[in-house]
Amino acid sequence: MAEEKTNAAIKRFKTFLRNHPEIVAHVHENNIKWSDVFDDWVIFGESHEIWGKYGLKKTKEDDKRDEEKKSSTFSFNKILKVVDNIDTKQWQERLDTISGALTGIQTFVGQFRQSNSQSGQNETGAQNGADPTSPSQMSGHSRNQNPFFFRRD
């Protein structure tokens, strides 16, 4: 298996050299070992600036690529590339999680609002002489809705 990968890498390296004969000429002229050139190709890849020392000149396409990388301006193409890479299923799962969390928070806040309005009513009843903890004032329904209900002893 490792031999197959090596053979495939050598074939790609040969293709790279066929596309850039100036590298071959430079290696022959300067008596550079092919193993060193191959090692540089494996380590740095085909579009690295190291190939300049082997006599490879940048093409207009390479210059455009370098300009795009260096430019930090806002461009529509960058947005399209980002949008193309979005995993919609993953985003839907995240939005569902956030929605569930917000629903839980809304329910939690709603329960406190209900308990505040009930405690305001109970205080009014206590001022009128009624016991706010009496069974007639507290229904089983309101106890179940308020998770933090504590009866006075």
N, C-alpha and C. Protein backbone atom coordinates (compact mmCIF):
# COMPACT_ATOMS: atom_id res chain seq x y z
N MET A 1 0.82 -1.19 0.00
CA MET A 1 0.00 0.00 0.00
C MET A 1 0.87 1.26 0.00
N ALA A 2 1.93 1.25 0.81
CA ALA A 2 2.83 2.39 0.85
C ALA A 2 3.53 2.56 -0.49
N GLU A 3 3.82 1.45 -1.13
CA GLU A 3 4.48 1.50 -2.44
C GLU A 3 3.55 2.13 -3.49
N GLU A 4 2.25 1.84 -3.40
CA GLU A 4 1.28 2.42 -4.32
C GLU A 4 1.21 3.94 -4.13
N LYS A 5 1.22 4.39 -2.86
CA LYS A 5 1.19 5.82 -2.58
C LYS A 5 2.44 6.50 -3.12
N THR A 6 3.59 5.83 -2.95
CA THR A 6 4.85 6.39 -3.43
C THR A 6 4.83 6.50 -4.95
N ASN A 7 4.37 5.44 -5.62
CA ASN A 7 4.30 5.47 -7.08
C ASN A 7 3.35 6.57 -7.56
N ALA A 8 2.23 6.76 -6.89
CA ALA A 8 1.28 7.81 -7.27
C ALA A 8 1.91 9.18 -7.06
N ALA A 9 2.66 9.35 -5.97
CA ALA A 9 3.32 10.63 -5.70
C ALA A 9 4.38 10.91 -6.75
N ILE A 10 5.12 9.90 -7.16
CA ILE A 10 6.15 10.08 -8.19
C ILE A 10 5.50 10.46 -9.52
N LYS A 11 4.38 9.83 -9.85
CA LYS A 11 3.67 10.18 -11.09
C LYS A 11 3.20 11.64 -11.06
N ARG A 12 2.66 12.10 -9.92
CA ARG A 12 2.22 13.50 -9.81
C ARG A 12 3.42 14.44 -9.90
N PHE A 13 4.55 14.04 -9.32
CA PHE A 13 5.76 14.85 -9.39
C PHE A 13 6.25 14.97 -10.83
N LYS A 14 6.21 13.87 -11.56
CA LYS A 14 6.62 13.90 -12.96
C LYS A 14 5.69 14.79 -13.79
N THR A 15 4.41 14.74 -13.48
CA THR A 15 3.45 15.62 -14.17
C THR A 15 3.76 17.08 -13.86
N PHE A 16 4.08 17.36 -12.62
CA PHE A 16 4.46 18.72 -12.23
C PHE A 16 5.68 19.18 -13.01
N LEU A 17 6.68 18.31 -13.16
CA LEU A 17 7.89 18.66 -13.90
C LEU A 17 7.62 18.84 -15.39
N ARG A 18 6.69 18.04 -15.95
CA ARG A 18 6.33 18.22 -17.36
C ARG A 18 5.67 19.57 -17.59
N ASN A 19 4.90 20.03 -16.59
CA ASN A 19 4.23 21.33 -16.71
C ASN A 19 5.20 22.49 -16.50
N HIS A 20 6.36 22.20 -15.89
CA HIS A 20 7.34 23.25 -15.59
C HIS A 20 8.73 22.81 -16.04
N PRO A 21 8.99 22.84 -17.34
CA PRO A 21 10.29 22.37 -17.83
C PRO A 21 11.47 23.25 -17.38
N GLU A 22 11.18 24.48 -16.96
CA GLU A 22 12.28 25.34 -16.49
C GLU A 22 12.91 24.79 -15.22
N ILE A 23 12.14 24.06 -14.44
CA ILE A 23 12.71 23.43 -13.23
C ILE A 23 13.69 22.34 -13.65
N VAL A 24 13.30 21.54 -14.63
CA VAL A 24 14.17 20.46 -15.12
C VAL A 24 15.47 21.06 -15.65
N ALA A 25 15.36 22.13 -16.42
CA ALA A 25 16.57 22.76 -16.99
C ALA A 25 17.46 23.29 -15.88
N HIS A 26 16.88 23.90 -14.87
CA HIS A 26 17.65 24.46 -13.76
C HIS A 26 18.37 23.35 -12.98
N VAL A 27 17.70 22.23 -12.76
CA VAL A 27 18.30 21.11 -12.04
C VAL A 27 19.49 20.56 -12.82
N HIS A 28 19.34 20.42 -14.15
CA HIS A 28 20.44 19.90 -14.97
C HIS A 28 21.61 20.87 -15.00
N GLU A 29 21.32 22.16 -15.10
CA GLU A 29 22.38 23.16 -15.18
C GLU A 29 23.19 23.26 -13.89
N ASN A 30 22.53 23.11 -12.77
CA ASN A 30 23.18 23.33 -11.46
C ASN A 30 23.52 22.03 -10.73
N ASN A 31 23.38 20.90 -11.39
CA ASN A 31 23.71 19.59 -10.81
C ASN A 31 23.04 19.37 -9.45
N ILE A 32 21.76 19.65 -9.38
CA ILE A 32 20.98 19.44 -8.16
C ILE A 32 20.43 18.02 -8.17
N LYS A 33 20.40 17.39 -7.02
CA LYS A 33 19.90 16.02 -6.91
C LYS A 33 18.38 16.02 -7.04
N TRP A 34 17.86 15.04 -7.78
CA TRP A 34 16.41 14.95 -7.96
C TRP A 34 15.72 14.60 -6.64
N SER A 35 16.42 13.89 -5.78
CA SER A 35 15.80 13.55 -4.48
C SER A 35 15.53 14.82 -3.67
N ASP A 36 16.42 15.82 -3.78
CA ASP A 36 16.21 17.09 -3.07
C ASP A 36 15.00 17.83 -3.65
N VAL A 37 14.89 17.80 -4.97
CA VAL A 37 13.75 18.47 -5.63
C VAL A 37 12.45 17.77 -5.24
N PHE A 38 12.47 16.44 -5.24
CA PHE A 38 11.28 15.68 -4.87
C PHE A 38 10.89 15.96 -3.41
N ASP A 39 11.89 16.02 -2.53
CA ASP A 39 11.61 16.31 -1.12
C ASP A 39 10.97 17.69 -0.97
N ASP A 40 11.48 18.67 -1.71
CA ASP A 40 10.89 20.01 -1.66
C ASP A 40 9.45 19.98 -2.17
N TRP A 41 9.22 19.20 -3.21
CA TRP A 41 7.86 19.11 -3.76
C TRP A 41 6.90 18.48 -2.75
N VAL A 42 7.37 17.43 -2.06
CA VAL A 42 6.53 16.76 -1.06
C VAL A 42 6.26 17.69 0.12
N ILE A 43 7.28 18.40 0.57
CA ILE A 43 7.14 19.24 1.77
C ILE A 43 6.36 20.51 1.48
N PHE A 44 6.69 21.21 0.39
CA PHE A 44 6.12 22.53 0.15
C PHE A 44 4.93 22.54 -0.81
N GLY A 45 4.79 21.51 -1.63
CA GLY A 45 3.69 21.50 -2.59
C GLY A 45 4.08 22.23 -3.87
N GLU A 46 3.11 22.34 -4.78
CA GLU A 46 3.39 22.87 -6.10
C GLU A 46 3.32 24.39 -6.17
N SER A 47 2.62 25.03 -5.26
CA SER A 47 2.40 26.47 -5.39
C SER A 47 3.20 27.29 -4.38
N HIS A 48 4.28 26.74 -3.87
CA HIS A 48 5.09 27.46 -2.88
C HIS A 48 6.13 28.31 -3.58
N GLU A 49 6.57 29.33 -2.90
CA GLU A 49 7.55 30.26 -3.46
C GLU A 49 8.94 29.66 -3.61
N ILE A 50 9.16 28.49 -3.04
CA ILE A 50 10.48 27.85 -3.13
C ILE A 50 10.85 27.52 -4.57
N TRP A 51 9.85 27.35 -5.42
CA TRP A 51 10.12 26.99 -6.81
C TRP A 51 10.79 28.13 -7.58
N GLY A 52 10.77 29.31 -6.99
CA GLY A 52 11.49 30.43 -7.60
C GLY A 52 12.99 30.18 -7.63
N LYS A 53 13.51 29.50 -6.62
CA LYS A 53 14.95 29.21 -6.61
C LYS A 53 15.33 28.16 -7.63
N TYR A 54 14.34 27.44 -8.15
CA TYR A 54 14.58 26.46 -9.20
C TYR A 54 14.31 27.05 -10.59
N GLY A 55 14.08 28.34 -10.64
CA GLY A 55 13.89 29.00 -11.93
C GLY A 55 12.45 29.09 -12.39
N LEU A 56 11.51 28.72 -11.55
CA LEU A 56 10.10 28.81 -11.92
C LEU A 56 9.61 30.23 -11.69
N LYS A 57 9.07 30.81 -12.74
CA LYS A 57 8.55 32.17 -12.63
C LYS A 57 7.05 32.09 -12.40
N LYS A 58 6.57 33.04 -11.62
CA LYS A 58 5.14 33.08 -11.33
C LYS A 58 4.37 33.49 -12.58
N THR A 59 3.26 32.84 -12.78
CA THR A 59 2.39 33.19 -13.91
C THR A 59 1.39 34.23 -13.45
N LYS A 60 0.64 34.75 -14.38
CA LYS A 60 -0.38 35.74 -14.05
C LYS A 60 -1.43 35.13 -13.13
N GLU A 61 -1.72 33.87 -13.36
CA GLU A 61 -2.72 33.18 -12.52
C GLU A 61 -2.23 33.07 -11.08
N ASP A 62 -0.94 32.77 -10.91
CA ASP A 62 -0.37 32.71 -9.56
C ASP A 62 -0.41 34.07 -8.90
N ASP A 63 -0.11 35.12 -9.67
CA ASP A 63 -0.16 36.48 -9.13
C ASP A 63 -1.58 36.83 -8.68
N LYS A 64 -2.57 36.43 -9.48
CA LYS A 64 -3.97 36.71 -9.11
C LYS A 64 -4.32 36.00 -7.80
N ARG A 65 -3.88 34.74 -7.68
CA ARG A 65 -4.16 33.98 -6.47
C ARG A 65 -3.52 34.64 -5.25
N ASP A 66 -2.29 35.10 -5.42
CA ASP A 66 -1.60 35.78 -4.32
C ASP A 66 -2.30 37.07 -3.95
N GLU A 67 -2.78 37.80 -4.95
CA GLU A 67 -3.49 39.06 -4.68
C GLU A 67 -4.78 38.79 -3.92
N GLU A 68 -5.50 37.75 -4.31
CA GLU A 68 -6.75 37.41 -3.63
C GLU A 68 -6.49 37.05 -2.17
N LYS A 69 -5.42 36.35 -1.91
CA LYS A 69 -5.09 35.97 -0.54
C LYS A 69 -4.71 37.18 0.29
N LYS A 70 -3.96 38.10 -0.33
CA LYS A 70 -3.49 39.27 0.40
C LYS A 70 -4.58 40.30 0.62
N SER A 71 -5.52 40.38 -0.30
CA SER A 71 -6.55 41.43 -0.17
C SER A 71 -7.50 41.06 0.96
N SER A 72 -7.70 42.02 1.81
CA SER A 72 -8.60 41.79 2.94
C SER A 72 -9.90 42.54 2.74
N THR A 73 -10.15 42.93 1.51
CA THR A 73 -11.37 43.66 1.22
C THR A 73 -12.55 42.72 1.17
N PHE A 74 -13.69 43.30 1.36
CA PHE A 74 -14.95 42.56 1.34
C PHE A 74 -15.30 42.24 -0.11
N SER A 75 -15.53 40.98 -0.42
CA SER A 75 -15.89 40.64 -1.79
C SER A 75 -17.05 39.65 -1.80
N PHE A 76 -17.80 39.77 -2.86
CA PHE A 76 -18.96 38.91 -3.03
C PHE A 76 -18.54 37.45 -3.23
N ASN A 77 -17.40 37.23 -3.89
CA ASN A 77 -16.92 35.86 -4.13
C ASN A 77 -16.59 35.15 -2.82
N LYS A 78 -16.03 35.88 -1.86
CA LYS A 78 -15.73 35.28 -0.56
C LYS A 78 -17.01 34.83 0.14
N ILE A 79 -18.04 35.65 0.04
CA ILE A 79 -19.32 35.30 0.66
C ILE A 79 -19.89 34.05 0.01
N LEU A 80 -19.84 33.99 -1.31
CA LEU A 80 -20.36 32.81 -2.01
C LEU A 80 -19.60 31.55 -1.62
N LYS A 81 -18.28 31.66 -1.45
CA LYS A 81 -17.50 30.49 -1.05
C LYS A 81 -17.90 30.02 0.34
N VAL A 82 -18.14 30.96 1.25
CA VAL A 82 -18.54 30.62 2.61
C VAL A 82 -19.93 29.97 2.60
N VAL A 83 -20.83 30.55 1.83
CA VAL A 83 -22.20 30.01 1.76
C VAL A 83 -22.19 28.61 1.16
N ASP A 84 -21.33 28.38 0.17
CA ASP A 84 -21.25 27.04 -0.43
C ASP A 84 -20.78 25.99 0.56
N ASN A 85 -19.98 26.39 1.53
CA ASN A 85 -19.42 25.44 2.50
C ASN A 85 -20.30 25.23 3.73
N ILE A 86 -21.45 25.88 3.79
CA ILE A 86 -22.31 25.76 4.97
C ILE A 86 -23.03 24.42 4.94
N ASP A 87 -23.01 23.75 6.06
CA ASP A 87 -23.73 22.49 6.22
C ASP A 87 -25.10 22.82 6.80
N THR A 88 -26.12 22.79 5.95
CA THR A 88 -27.45 23.24 6.38
C THR A 88 -28.04 22.34 7.46
N LYS A 89 -27.76 21.07 7.39
CA LYS A 89 -28.30 20.16 8.41
C LYS A 89 -27.74 20.50 9.79
N GLN A 90 -26.44 20.77 9.84
CA GLN A 90 -25.80 21.12 11.11
C GLN A 90 -26.36 22.43 11.64
N TRP A 91 -26.53 23.42 10.76
CA TRP A 91 -27.09 24.71 11.20
C TRP A 91 -28.52 24.54 11.69
N GLN A 92 -29.32 23.68 11.03
CA GLN A 92 -30.69 23.45 11.46
C GLN A 92 -30.70 22.84 12.86
N GLU A 93 -29.79 21.91 13.12
CA GLU A 93 -29.71 21.30 14.45
C GLU A 93 -29.34 22.34 15.50
N ARG A 94 -28.41 23.22 15.17
CA ARG A 94 -28.01 24.27 16.12
C ARG A 94 -29.17 25.23 16.39
N LEU A 95 -29.88 25.60 15.33
CA LEU A 95 -31.01 26.52 15.51
C LEU A 95 -32.12 25.87 16.33
N ASP A 96 -32.35 24.57 16.13
CA ASP A 96 -33.34 23.86 16.93
C ASP A 96 -32.93 23.84 18.40
N THR A 97 -31.65 23.64 18.67
CA THR A 97 -31.15 23.65 20.04
C THR A 97 -31.35 25.01 20.69
N ILE A 98 -31.00 26.05 19.95
CA ILE A 98 -31.17 27.41 20.47
C ILE A 98 -32.64 27.72 20.70
N SER A 99 -33.48 27.30 19.78
CA SER A 99 -34.92 27.52 19.93
C SER A 99 -35.46 26.83 21.18
N GLY A 100 -35.02 25.59 21.40
CA GLY A 100 -35.44 24.86 22.59
C GLY A 100 -34.98 25.55 23.87
N ALA A 101 -33.75 26.06 23.85
CA ALA A 101 -33.24 26.76 25.03
C ALA A 101 -34.04 28.03 25.30
N LEU A 102 -34.35 28.77 24.24
CA LEU A 102 -35.14 30.00 24.42
C LEU A 102 -36.54 29.70 24.92
N THR A 103 -37.13 28.63 24.43
CA THR A 103 -38.45 28.22 24.92
C THR A 103 -38.40 27.89 26.40
N GLY A 104 -37.36 27.18 26.81
CA GLY A 104 -37.20 26.84 28.22
C GLY A 104 -37.04 28.09 29.08
N ILE A 105 -36.27 29.05 28.60
CA ILE A 105 -36.07 30.30 29.35
C ILE A 105 -37.38 31.07 29.44
N GLN A 106 -38.13 31.11 28.33
CA GLN A 106 -39.41 31.81 28.35
C GLN A 106 -40.38 31.16 29.34
N THR A 107 -40.40 29.85 29.38
CA THR A 107 -41.27 29.14 30.33
C THR A 107 -40.84 29.45 31.75
N PHE A 108 -39.56 29.43 32.00
CA PHE A 108 -39.02 29.69 33.32
C PHE A 108 -39.38 31.11 33.78
N VAL A 109 -39.18 32.10 32.90
CA VAL A 109 -39.52 33.48 33.24
C VAL A 109 -41.02 33.63 33.43
N GLY A 110 -41.80 32.94 32.61
CA GLY A 110 -43.26 32.99 32.74
C GLY A 110 -43.73 32.46 34.08
N GLN A 111 -43.08 31.43 34.59
CA GLN A 111 -43.45 30.88 35.89
C GLN A 111 -43.17 31.88 37.01
N PHE A 112 -42.10 32.61 36.92
CA PHE A 112 -41.81 33.63 37.92
C PHE A 112 -42.81 34.78 37.84
N ARG A 113 -43.21 35.13 36.64
CA ARG A 113 -44.20 36.20 36.50
C ARG A 113 -45.52 35.79 37.13
N GLN A 114 -45.90 34.52 36.90
CA GLN A 114 -47.14 34.03 37.48
C GLN A 114 -47.04 34.03 39.00
N SER A 115 -45.90 33.61 39.53
CA SER A 115 -45.75 33.55 40.99
C SER A 115 -45.76 34.96 41.56
N ASN A 116 -45.19 35.94 40.86
CA ASN A 116 -45.23 37.33 41.34
C ASN A 116 -46.65 37.87 41.35
N SER A 117 -47.41 37.57 40.31
CA SER A 117 -48.79 38.07 40.27
C SER A 117 -49.63 37.36 41.33
N GLN A 118 -49.39 36.08 41.58
CA GLN A 118 -50.12 35.36 42.61
C GLN A 118 -49.73 35.84 44.00
N SER A 119 -48.46 36.14 44.20
CA SER A 119 -48.05 36.62 45.52
C SER A 119 -48.64 38.00 45.77
N GLY A 120 -48.80 38.82 44.73
CA GLY A 120 -49.44 40.13 44.88
C GLY A 120 -50.90 39.96 45.27
N GLN A 121 -51.57 38.97 44.68
CA GLN A 121 -52.96 38.71 45.03
C GLN A 121 -53.06 38.16 46.45
N ASN A 122 -52.13 37.30 46.85
CA ASN A 122 -52.14 36.73 48.19
C ASN A 122 -51.91 37.80 49.24
N GLU A 123 -51.02 38.76 48.97
CA GLU A 123 -50.78 39.82 49.92
C GLU A 123 -52.03 40.68 50.09
N THR A 124 -52.75 40.90 49.02
CA THR A 124 -54.00 41.67 49.09
C THR A 124 -55.01 40.92 49.94
N GLY A 125 -55.06 39.59 49.77
CA GLY A 125 -55.97 38.78 50.57
C GLY A 125 -55.59 38.79 52.03
N ALA A 126 -54.29 38.80 52.33
CA ALA A 126 -53.83 38.81 53.72
C ALA A 126 -54.18 40.13 54.38
N GLN A 127 -54.13 41.20 53.62
CA GLN A 127 -54.48 42.50 54.18
C GLN A 127 -55.96 42.56 54.50
N ASN A 128 -56.76 41.82 53.79
CA ASN A 128 -58.20 41.81 54.04
C ASN A 128 -58.58 40.84 55.15
N GLY A 129 -57.61 40.20 55.76
CA GLY A 129 -57.89 39.33 56.88
C GLY A 129 -57.89 37.87 56.53
N ALA A 130 -57.73 37.53 55.27
CA ALA A 130 -57.72 36.12 54.87
C ALA A 130 -56.30 35.57 54.98
N ASP A 131 -56.19 34.31 55.31
CA ASP A 131 -54.90 33.65 55.43
C ASP A 131 -54.43 33.25 54.02
N PRO A 132 -53.27 33.77 53.55
CA PRO A 132 -52.83 33.48 52.18
C PRO A 132 -52.42 32.04 51.97
N THR A 133 -52.16 31.31 53.05
CA THR A 133 -51.76 29.91 52.91
C THR A 133 -52.91 28.96 53.14
N SER A 134 -54.09 29.47 53.30
CA SER A 134 -55.23 28.59 53.54
C SER A 134 -55.54 27.83 52.26
N PRO A 135 -56.11 26.65 52.43
CA PRO A 135 -56.42 25.83 51.26
C PRO A 135 -57.38 26.52 50.31
N SER A 136 -58.23 27.39 50.81
CA SER A 136 -59.16 28.07 49.91
C SER A 136 -58.42 29.05 49.00
N GLN A 137 -57.29 29.59 49.46
CA GLN A 137 -56.52 30.54 48.66
C GLN A 137 -55.59 29.83 47.68
N MET A 138 -55.15 28.63 48.05
CA MET A 138 -54.19 27.92 47.20
C MET A 138 -54.86 26.75 46.53
N SER A 139 -54.88 26.78 45.24
CA SER A 139 -55.44 25.65 44.53
C SER A 139 -54.30 24.72 44.15
N GLY A 140 -54.60 23.48 43.93
CA GLY A 140 -53.60 22.51 43.53
C GLY A 140 -53.00 22.87 42.18
N HIS A 141 -53.79 23.55 41.34
CA HIS A 141 -53.33 23.94 40.00
C HIS A 141 -52.18 24.93 40.09
N SER A 142 -52.27 25.90 40.98
CA SER A 142 -51.21 26.92 41.08
C SER A 142 -49.95 26.32 41.71
N ARG A 143 -50.10 25.34 42.58
CA ARG A 143 -48.93 24.69 43.17
C ARG A 143 -48.14 23.94 42.11
N ASN A 144 -48.84 23.29 41.20
CA ASN A 144 -48.16 22.53 40.17
C ASN A 144 -47.44 23.44 39.17
N GLN A 145 -47.96 24.64 38.96
CA GLN A 145 -47.35 25.54 37.99
C GLN A 145 -46.11 26.21 38.55
N ASN A 146 -46.06 26.44 39.84
CA ASN A 146 -44.94 27.15 40.43
C ASN A 146 -43.96 26.14 41.00
N PRO A 147 -42.77 25.97 40.38
CA PRO A 147 -41.84 24.95 40.86
C PRO A 147 -41.14 25.35 42.15
N PHE A 148 -41.22 26.63 42.55
CA PHE A 148 -40.54 27.10 43.74
C PHE A 148 -41.53 27.49 44.84
N PHE A 149 -42.64 26.80 44.91
CA PHE A 149 -43.65 27.13 45.90
C PHE A 149 -43.27 26.52 47.24
N PHE A 150 -43.25 27.36 48.26
CA PHE A 150 -43.00 26.90 49.63
C PHE A 150 -44.14 27.41 50.50
N ARG A 151 -44.70 26.51 51.25
CA ARG A 151 -45.79 26.90 52.14
C ARG A 151 -45.24 27.43 53.43
N ARG A 152 -45.87 28.44 53.95
CA ARG A 152 -45.46 28.97 55.25
C ARG A 152 -45.94 28.03 56.34
N ASP A 153 -45.14 27.83 57.36
CA ASP A 153 -45.52 26.95 58.48
C ASP A 153 -46.14 27.74 59.59
